[in-house]
C-alpha atoms as a PDB file:
ATOM      1  CA  MET A   1     -24.719  38.055 -21.494  1.00  0.00           C
ATOM      2  CA  ARG A   2     -21.603  38.885 -23.472  1.00  0.00           C
ATOM      3  CA  TYR A   3     -21.807  42.647 -22.954  1.00  0.00           C
ATOM      4  CA  GLU A   4     -21.651  42.253 -19.175  1.00  0.00           C
ATOM      5  CA  LEU A   5     -17.882  41.540 -19.052  1.00  0.00           C
ATOM      6  CA  PRO A   6     -16.825  44.721 -20.924  1.00  0.00           C
ATOM      7  CA  MET A   7     -19.215  46.737 -18.756  1.00  0.00           C
ATOM      8  CA  VAL A   8     -17.730  45.239 -15.576  1.00  0.00           C
ATOM      9  CA  LEU A   9     -14.173  45.900 -16.790  1.00  0.00           C
ATOM     10  CA  ALA A  10     -15.009  49.479 -17.725  1.00  0.00           C
ATOM     11  CA  LEU A  11     -16.628  50.043 -14.338  1.00  0.00           C
ATOM     12  CA  ALA A  12     -13.634  48.546 -12.523  1.00  0.00           C
ATOM     13  CA  ALA A  13     -11.230  50.768 -14.481  1.00  0.00           C
ATOM     14  CA  GLY A  14     -13.303  53.821 -13.630  1.00  0.00           C
ATOM     15  CA  LEU A  15     -13.330  52.939  -9.924  1.00  0.00           C
ATOM     16  CA  ALA A  16      -9.567  52.340  -9.952  1.00  0.00           C
ATOM     17  CA  SER A  17      -9.010  55.721 -11.582  1.00  0.00           C
ATOM     18  CA  ALA A  18     -11.259  57.423  -9.064  1.00  0.00           C
ATOM     19  CA  ALA A  19      -9.296  55.728  -6.262  1.00  0.00           C
ATOM     20  CA  ASP A  20      -5.967  57.156  -7.412  1.00  0.00           C
ATOM     21  CA  PRO A  21      -4.729  59.711  -4.882  1.00  0.00           C
ATOM     22  CA  ALA A  22      -5.013  63.335  -5.984  1.00  0.00           C
ATOM     23  CA  PRO A  23      -1.926  65.383  -5.050  1.00  0.00           C
ATOM     24  CA  GLU A  24      -3.365  68.823  -5.834  1.00  0.00           C
ATOM     25  CA  GLY A  25      -2.942  71.308  -2.981  1.00  0.00           C
ATOM     26  CA  ARG A  26      -0.445  73.089  -0.757  1.00  0.00           C
ATOM     27  CA  TRP A  27       1.946  70.754   1.023  1.00  0.00           C
ATOM     28  CA  ARG A  28       4.245  71.600   3.898  1.00  0.00           C
ATOM     29  CA  GLY A  29       6.919  69.625   5.720  1.00  0.00           C
ATOM     30  CA  VAL A  30      10.657  69.057   6.031  1.00  0.00           C
ATOM     31  CA  VAL A  31      13.534  67.759   3.930  1.00  0.00           C
ATOM     32  CA  GLU A  32      15.601  65.800   6.476  1.00  0.00           C
ATOM     33  CA  ILE A  33      19.104  66.951   5.573  1.00  0.00           C
ATOM     34  CA  PRO A  34      21.425  65.623   8.324  1.00  0.00           C
ATOM     35  CA  GLY A  35      22.143  68.381  10.824  1.00  0.00           C
ATOM     36  CA  ARG A  36      20.114  70.913   8.846  1.00  0.00           C
ATOM     37  CA  PRO A  37      16.400  70.112   8.479  1.00  0.00           C
ATOM     38  CA  LEU A  38      15.011  72.154   5.595  1.00  0.00           C
ATOM     39  CA  PRO A  39      11.377  73.353   5.880  1.00  0.00           C
ATOM     40  CA  MET A  40       9.621  73.165   2.510  1.00  0.00           C
ATOM     41  CA  THR A  41       6.296  74.244   1.031  1.00  0.00           C
ATOM     42  CA  LEU A  42       5.113  72.724  -2.237  1.00  0.00           C
ATOM     43  CA  ASP A  43       2.182  74.024  -4.291  1.00  0.00           C
ATOM     44  CA  LEU A  44       0.878  71.591  -6.869  1.00  0.00           C
ATOM     45  CA  ALA A  45      -2.053  71.884  -9.297  1.00  0.00           C
ATOM     46  CA  PRO A  46      -3.124  71.055 -12.862  1.00  0.00           C
ATOM     47  CA  ASP A  47      -4.174  73.704 -15.374  1.00  0.00           C
ATOM     48  CA  ALA A  48      -7.343  73.609 -17.488  1.00  0.00           C
ATOM     49  CA  ALA A  49      -5.632  71.331 -20.006  1.00  0.00           C
ATOM     50  CA  GLY A  50      -4.598  68.847 -17.313  1.00  0.00           C
ATOM     51  CA  GLN A  51      -0.925  69.850 -17.343  1.00  0.00           C
ATOM     52  CA  TRP A  52       0.523  69.834 -13.815  1.00  0.00           C
ATOM     53  CA  HIS A  53       2.444  72.805 -12.410  1.00  0.00           C
ATOM     54  CA  ALA A  54       4.341  73.271  -9.153  1.00  0.00           C
ATOM     55  CA  SER A  55       6.236  75.893  -7.198  1.00  0.00           C
ATOM     56  CA  VAL A  56       8.473  75.490  -4.154  1.00  0.00           C
ATOM     57  CA  THR A  57       9.306  77.649  -1.140  1.00  0.00           C
ATOM     58  CA  LEU A  58      12.401  77.005   1.015  1.00  0.00           C
ATOM     59  CA  PRO A  59      12.592  79.900   3.517  1.00  0.00           C
ATOM     60  CA  ALA A  60      15.995  78.885   4.913  1.00  0.00           C
ATOM     61  CA  LEU A  61      17.508  79.311   1.435  1.00  0.00           C
ATOM     62  CA  GLY A  62      15.690  82.550   0.628  1.00  0.00           C
ATOM     63  CA  ILE A  63      13.645  80.769  -2.046  1.00  0.00           C
ATOM     64  CA  ALA A  64       9.984  81.760  -2.361  1.00  0.00           C
ATOM     65  CA  GLY A  65       7.548  80.393  -4.927  1.00  0.00           C
ATOM     66  CA  VAL A  66      10.203  79.181  -7.370  1.00  0.00           C
ATOM     67  CA  PRO A  67       8.511  77.397 -10.304  1.00  0.00           C
ATOM     68  CA  ALA A  68       9.317  73.739 -10.935  1.00  0.00           C
ATOM     69  CA  ARG A  69       9.787  72.222 -14.380  1.00  0.00           C
ATOM     70  CA  ASN A  70       9.213  68.790 -15.902  1.00  0.00           C
ATOM     71  CA  VAL A  71       6.346  68.213 -13.453  1.00  0.00           C
ATOM     72  CA  VAL A  72       4.917  64.696 -13.845  1.00  0.00           C
ATOM     73  CA  VAL A  73       2.018  63.310 -11.805  1.00  0.00           C
ATOM     74  CA  SER A  74       1.016  59.719 -12.445  1.00  0.00           C
ATOM     75  CA  GLY A  75      -0.771  57.217 -10.214  1.00  0.00           C
ATOM     76  CA  GLY A  76       0.072  59.116  -7.057  1.00  0.00           C
ATOM     77  CA  GLN A  77       3.742  59.586  -7.973  1.00  0.00           C
ATOM     78  CA  VAL A  78       5.037  63.156  -8.263  1.00  0.00           C
ATOM     79  CA  THR A  79       8.357  64.098  -9.859  1.00  0.00           C
ATOM     80  CA  PHE A  80       9.792  67.466 -10.863  1.00  0.00           C
ATOM     81  CA  ALA A  81      12.992  69.490 -11.160  1.00  0.00           C
ATOM     82  CA  LEU A  82      13.711  72.815  -9.481  1.00  0.00           C
ATOM     83  CA  THR A  83      14.713  76.076 -11.139  1.00  0.00           C
ATOM     84  CA  GLY A  84      16.470  79.245 -10.016  1.00  0.00           C
ATOM     85  CA  ALA A  85      19.037  78.839  -7.231  1.00  0.00           C
ATOM     86  CA  LEU A  86      18.434  75.081  -7.139  1.00  0.00           C
ATOM     87  CA  ASP A  87      19.336  74.644 -10.806  1.00  0.00           C
ATOM     88  CA  SER A  88      23.069  75.213 -10.523  1.00  0.00           C
ATOM     89  CA  SER A  89      25.780  74.771 -13.119  1.00  0.00           C
ATOM     90  CA  SER A  90      28.139  73.986 -10.221  1.00  0.00           C
ATOM     91  CA  PHE A  91      25.992  71.555  -8.212  1.00  0.00           C
ATOM     92  CA  GLY A  92      23.456  70.350 -10.747  1.00  0.00           C
ATOM     93  CA  THR A  93      19.667  70.493 -10.721  1.00  0.00           C
ATOM     94  CA  ALA A  94      17.735  69.646  -7.563  1.00  0.00           C
ATOM     95  CA  SER A  95      14.808  67.298  -8.077  1.00  0.00           C
ATOM     96  CA  VAL A  96      12.013  65.630  -6.142  1.00  0.00           C
ATOM     97  CA  ASP A  97      10.596  62.120  -6.467  1.00  0.00           C
ATOM     98  CA  ALA A  98       7.676  61.463  -4.124  1.00  0.00           C
ATOM     99  CA  VAL A  99       4.601  59.255  -3.712  1.00  0.00           C
ATOM    100  CA  LEU A 100       1.255  60.211  -2.237  1.00  0.00           C
ATOM    101  CA  ASP A 101      -0.060  57.938   0.499  1.00  0.00           C
ATOM    102  CA  PRO A 102      -3.582  58.981   1.584  1.00  0.00           C
ATOM    103  CA  SER A 103      -2.751  58.116   5.203  1.00  0.00           C
ATOM    104  CA  LYS A 104       0.801  59.474   5.365  1.00  0.00           C
ATOM    105  CA  GLY A 105       0.922  62.444   2.977  1.00  0.00           C
ATOM    106  CA  LEU A 106       3.492  63.076   0.253  1.00  0.00           C
ATOM    107  CA  ALA A 107       6.804  61.352   0.975  1.00  0.00           C
ATOM    108  CA  GLY A 108       9.926  60.740  -1.076  1.00  0.00           C
ATOM    109  CA  ARG A 109      13.420  62.030  -1.788  1.00  0.00           C
ATOM    110  CA  PHE A 110      14.970  65.442  -2.438  1.00  0.00           C
ATOM    111  CA  MET A 111      18.068  65.016  -4.630  1.00  0.00           C
ATOM    112  CA  GLN A 112      20.964  67.148  -5.886  1.00  0.00           C
ATOM    113  CA  ALA A 113      24.602  66.597  -6.857  1.00  0.00           C
ATOM    114  CA  GLY A 114      24.446  62.872  -6.162  1.00  0.00           C
ATOM    115  CA  HIS A 115      23.074  63.411  -2.647  1.00  0.00           C
ATOM    116  CA  SER A 116      19.613  62.443  -1.470  1.00  0.00           C
ATOM    117  CA  ALA A 117      17.560  63.276   1.633  1.00  0.00           C
ATOM    118  CA  PRO A 118      14.143  61.997   2.718  1.00  0.00           C
ATOM    119  CA  MET A 119      11.230  64.429   2.729  1.00  0.00           C
ATOM    120  CA  ALA A 120       7.708  64.196   4.119  1.00  0.00           C
ATOM    121  CA  LEU A 121       4.962  66.732   3.426  1.00  0.00           C
ATOM    122  CA  GLN A 122       1.387  67.082   4.678  1.00  0.00           C
ATOM    123  CA  ARG A 123      -1.431  68.797   2.821  1.00  0.00           C
ATOM    124  CA  VAL A 124      -2.238  72.110   4.538  1.00  0.00           C
ATOM    125  CA  GLY A 125      -4.576  73.875   2.134  1.00  0.00           C
ATOM    126  CA  VAL A 126      -5.441  74.950  -1.377  1.00  0.00           C
ATOM    127  CA  SER A 127      -2.667  75.161  -3.965  1.00  0.00           C
ATOM    128  CA  GLN A 128      -1.166  78.588  -4.665  1.00  0.00           C
ATOM    129  CA  VAL A 129       1.188  77.754  -7.534  1.00  0.00           C
ATOM    130  CA  GLN A 130       3.337  80.726  -8.523  1.00  0.00           C
ATOM    131  CA  PRO A 131       3.551  81.093 -12.318  1.00  0.00           C
ATOM    132  CA  ALA A 132       6.986  81.479 -13.832  1.00  0.00           C
ATOM    133  CA  ALA A 133       7.884  85.119 -14.402  1.00  0.00           C
ATOM    134  CA  ARG A 134       8.627  86.085 -18.008  1.00  0.00           C
ATOM    135  CA  SER A 135      11.037  88.667 -19.318  1.00  0.00           C
ATOM    136  CA  THR A 136       9.625  91.754 -20.981  1.00  0.00           C
ATOM    137  CA  ALA A 137      11.102  93.682 -23.867  1.00  0.00           C
ATOM    138  CA  VAL A 138      13.053  96.814 -22.972  1.00  0.00           C
ATOM    139  CA  ARG A 139      12.951 100.143 -24.772  1.00  0.00           C
ATOM    140  CA  PRO A 140      15.368 100.345 -27.705  1.00  0.00           C
ATOM    141  CA  ALA A 141      16.843 103.362 -25.906  1.00  0.00           C
ATOM    142  CA  ILE A 142      18.301 101.123 -23.183  1.00  0.00           C
ATOM    143  CA  GLU A 143      19.463  98.251 -25.359  1.00  0.00           C
ATOM    144  CA  GLY A 144      23.227  98.078 -25.474  1.00  0.00           C
ATOM    145  CA  GLU A 145      26.112  97.900 -23.035  1.00  0.00           C
ATOM    146  CA  TRP A 146      26.239  99.465 -19.553  1.00  0.00           C
ATOM    147  CA  VAL A 147      29.225  99.612 -17.197  1.00  0.00           C
ATOM    148  CA  GLY A 148      29.794 100.541 -13.574  1.00  0.00           C
ATOM    149  CA  GLN A 149      31.585  99.600 -10.368  1.00  0.00           C
ATOM    150  CA  TYR A 150      30.793  98.728  -6.762  1.00  0.00           C
ATOM    151  CA  GLU A 151      32.969  97.863  -3.765  1.00  0.00           C
ATOM    152  CA  LEU A 152      32.563  94.822  -1.537  1.00  0.00           C
ATOM    153  CA  GLY A 153      34.902  93.699   1.229  1.00  0.00           C
ATOM    154  CA  GLY A 154      37.355  96.436   0.349  1.00  0.00           C
ATOM    155  CA  TYR A 155      37.744  95.310  -3.249  1.00  0.00           C
ATOM    156  CA  PRO A 156      36.282  96.994  -6.352  1.00  0.00           C
ATOM    157  CA  ARG A 157      34.121  95.001  -8.752  1.00  0.00           C
ATOM    158  CA  ASN A 158      33.584  96.109 -12.323  1.00  0.00           C
ATOM    159  CA  VAL A 159      30.186  95.320 -13.795  1.00  0.00           C
ATOM    160  CA  THR A 160      29.125  95.108 -17.425  1.00  0.00           C
ATOM    161  CA  ILE A 161      25.532  94.445 -18.450  1.00  0.00           C
ATOM    162  CA  ALA A 162      24.527  94.167 -22.108  1.00  0.00           C
ATOM    163  CA  LEU A 163      20.791  94.241 -22.907  1.00  0.00           C
ATOM    164  CA  ARG A 164      19.253  92.886 -26.085  1.00  0.00           C
ATOM    165  CA  ASN A 165      15.649  92.326 -27.180  1.00  0.00           C
ATOM    166  CA  GLU A 166      14.950  88.897 -28.643  1.00  0.00           C
ATOM    167  CA  PRO A 167      11.844  88.494 -30.845  1.00  0.00           C
ATOM    168  CA  GLY A 168       9.214  86.491 -28.993  1.00  0.00           C
ATOM    169  CA  ARG A 169      11.333  86.169 -25.845  1.00  0.00           C
ATOM    170  CA  GLY A 170      11.513  89.644 -24.390  1.00  0.00           C
ATOM    171  CA  ALA A 171      14.908  90.992 -23.348  1.00  0.00           C
ATOM    172  CA  THR A 172      18.022  89.014 -22.507  1.00  0.00           C
ATOM    173  CA  ALA A 173      21.099  90.214 -20.652  1.00  0.00           C
ATOM    174  CA  THR A 174      24.786  89.382 -20.531  1.00  0.00           C
ATOM    175  CA  PHE A 175      25.877  90.121 -16.949  1.00  0.00           C
ATOM    176  CA  VAL A 176      29.599  90.078 -16.082  1.00  0.00           C
ATOM    177  CA  ILE A 177      31.302  90.943 -12.778  1.00  0.00           C
ATOM    178  CA  VAL A 178      35.091  91.271 -12.685  1.00  0.00           C
ATOM    179  CA  GLY A 179      36.920  91.462  -9.355  1.00  0.00           C
ATOM    180  CA  LYS A 180      39.713  89.094  -8.380  1.00  0.00           C
ATOM    181  CA  GLN A 181      38.229  86.881 -11.046  1.00  0.00           C
ATOM    182  CA  LYS A 182      35.713  87.153 -13.876  1.00  0.00           C
ATOM    183  CA  THR A 183      32.199  85.833 -13.216  1.00  0.00           C
ATOM    184  CA  VAL A 184      29.527  85.534 -15.890  1.00  0.00           C
ATOM    185  CA  ILE A 185      26.168  85.659 -14.127  1.00  0.00           C
ATOM    186  CA  PRO A 186      23.409  83.557 -15.746  1.00  0.00           C
ATOM    187  CA  VAL A 187      20.300  85.741 -16.106  1.00  0.00           C
ATOM    188  CA  ASP A 188      16.782  84.319 -15.697  1.00  0.00           C
ATOM    189  CA  LEU A 189      14.684  87.458 -15.899  1.00  0.00           C
ATOM    190  CA  VAL A 190      14.788  90.959 -17.368  1.00  0.00           C
ATOM    191  CA  VAL A 191      11.812  93.232 -16.673  1.00  0.00           C
ATOM    192  CA  GLU A 192      11.329  96.890 -17.535  1.00  0.00           C
ATOM    193  CA  ASP A 193       8.338  98.426 -15.762  1.00  0.00           C
ATOM    194  CA  GLY A 194       7.944 102.119 -16.485  1.00  0.00           C
ATOM    195  CA  GLU A 195      11.182 103.811 -15.471  1.00  0.00           C
ATOM    196  CA  PHE A 196      12.452 100.820 -13.488  1.00  0.00           C
ATOM    197  CA  LEU A 197      14.603  97.900 -14.639  1.00  0.00           C
ATOM    198  CA  ARG A 198      15.055  94.567 -12.844  1.00  0.00           C
ATOM    199  CA  ILE A 199      17.541  91.829 -13.738  1.00  0.00           C
ATOM    200  CA  GLU A 200      17.595  88.521 -11.833  1.00  0.00           C
ATOM    201  CA  SER A 201      19.812  85.458 -11.557  1.00  0.00           C
ATOM    202  CA  GLY A 202      18.137  82.750  -9.493  1.00  0.00           C
ATOM    203  CA  GLU A 203      21.150  80.434  -9.606  1.00  0.00           C
ATOM    204  CA  TYR A 204      23.565  83.050  -8.233  1.00  0.00           C
ATOM    205  CA  ARG A 205      20.946  84.853  -6.092  1.00  0.00           C
ATOM    206  CA  VAL A 206      21.905  88.145  -7.707  1.00  0.00           C
ATOM    207  CA  THR A 207      19.370  90.891  -8.454  1.00  0.00           C
ATOM    208  CA  TYR A 208      19.998  94.305  -9.970  1.00  0.00           C
ATOM    209  CA  GLU A 209      17.236  96.909  -9.650  1.00  0.00           C
ATOM    210  CA  ALA A 210      17.636 100.392 -11.077  1.00  0.00           C
ATOM    211  CA  LYS A 211      15.832 103.524 -12.194  1.00  0.00           C
ATOM    212  CA  VAL A 212      16.447 104.644 -15.763  1.00  0.00           C
ATOM    213  CA  ASP A 213      17.086 108.370 -16.081  1.00  0.00           C
ATOM    214  CA  VAL A 214      15.082 110.502 -18.518  1.00  0.00           C
ATOM    215  CA  ALA A 215      17.869 110.593 -21.114  1.00  0.00           C
ATOM    216  CA  ALA A 216      18.394 106.799 -20.817  1.00  0.00           C
ATOM    217  CA  THR A 217      22.099 107.326 -20.135  1.00  0.00           C
ATOM    218  CA  GLU A 218      22.247 106.138 -16.504  1.00  0.00           C
ATOM    219  CA  LEU A 219      20.888 103.234 -14.451  1.00  0.00           C
ATOM    220  CA  SER A 220      20.862 104.175 -10.770  1.00  0.00           C
ATOM    221  CA  GLY A 221      20.086 101.407  -8.315  1.00  0.00           C
ATOM    222  CA  SER A 222      21.521  98.590  -6.217  1.00  0.00           C
ATOM    223  CA  ILE A 223      22.763  95.054  -6.623  1.00  0.00           C
ATOM    224  CA  ALA A 224      21.636  92.373  -4.176  1.00  0.00           C
ATOM    225  CA  LEU A 225      24.131  89.552  -3.663  1.00  0.00           C
ATOM    226  CA  GLY A 226      22.477  86.886  -1.540  1.00  0.00           C
ATOM    227  CA  ALA A 227      21.509  88.646   1.697  1.00  0.00           C
ATOM    228  CA  GLY A 228      23.691  91.729   1.059  1.00  0.00           C
ATOM    229  CA  GLU A 229      22.996  94.803  -1.050  1.00  0.00           C
ATOM    230  CA  VAL A 230      25.225  97.628  -2.330  1.00  0.00           C
ATOM    231  CA  PRO A 231      24.605 100.674  -4.545  1.00  0.00           C
ATOM    232  CA  LEU A 232      25.456 100.298  -8.220  1.00  0.00           C
ATOM    233  CA  VAL A 233      25.241 102.971 -10.918  1.00  0.00           C
ATOM    234  CA  LEU A 234      25.705 101.924 -14.548  1.00  0.00           C
ATOM    235  CA  ARG A 235      26.338 104.242 -17.463  1.00  0.00           C
ATOM    236  CA  ARG A 236      26.013 103.551 -21.144  1.00  0.00           C
ATOM    237  CA  THR A 237      29.116 102.712 -23.133  1.00  0.00           C
ATOM    238  CA  ALA A 238      28.865 104.985 -26.145  1.00  0.00           C
ATOM    239  CA  GLY A 239      28.378 103.249 -29.442  1.00  0.00           C
ATOM    240  CA  ARG A 240      28.332  99.745 -27.988  1.00  0.00           C
ATOM    241  CA  LYS A 241      25.585  97.240 -28.668  1.00  0.00           C
ATOM    242  CA  PRO A 242      25.290  93.733 -27.195  1.00  0.00           C
END
């Protein structure tokens, strides 16, 4: 009968789709960088709309649950780009291109700055994808320019942070450190929570956390630079707006 062929084709297509490997889950393994194996955990899952999301943890680099972007899952192939410290203006964006083999796990390449290293991951549990943090708005009272100074290695560093609320985006910050040279720190996140302010740069691994005083004239806290941390007090520059 003529209708049998379309039915058979439809059934075959359905079985092929069902046979496609499903990469959802928590994956753990190693990126085989010569002389420096890099343990890696990957969380991968689709949302209710079928859009895939991922986050990556690399303990040796101090990276925990960093969201991935441009996540594509198709026919067992998984590709994505990294954010935060692995999305560098100096070294380029790190990315992953891997294929799921039901018998071998998730294997492929970890790439950045023209270099590539093999990686192999095994599924170890249920996915725990970390959602990307979003900036909040800050009070109008703390919008504007703040300045201060800290010392590191015997040399003073002058810091200027300018805060501005952007409609629909929360707050943004211009973050400049001037020592022997001027460094403009790219800011990923600005969060005000009660009397506390947090500003983060994933690429530079810089975090500033401070308490806002009652009069909103002083930010008293510390700046974390990689694994180190020093006190940093900022005071408002009168009459200046970002």
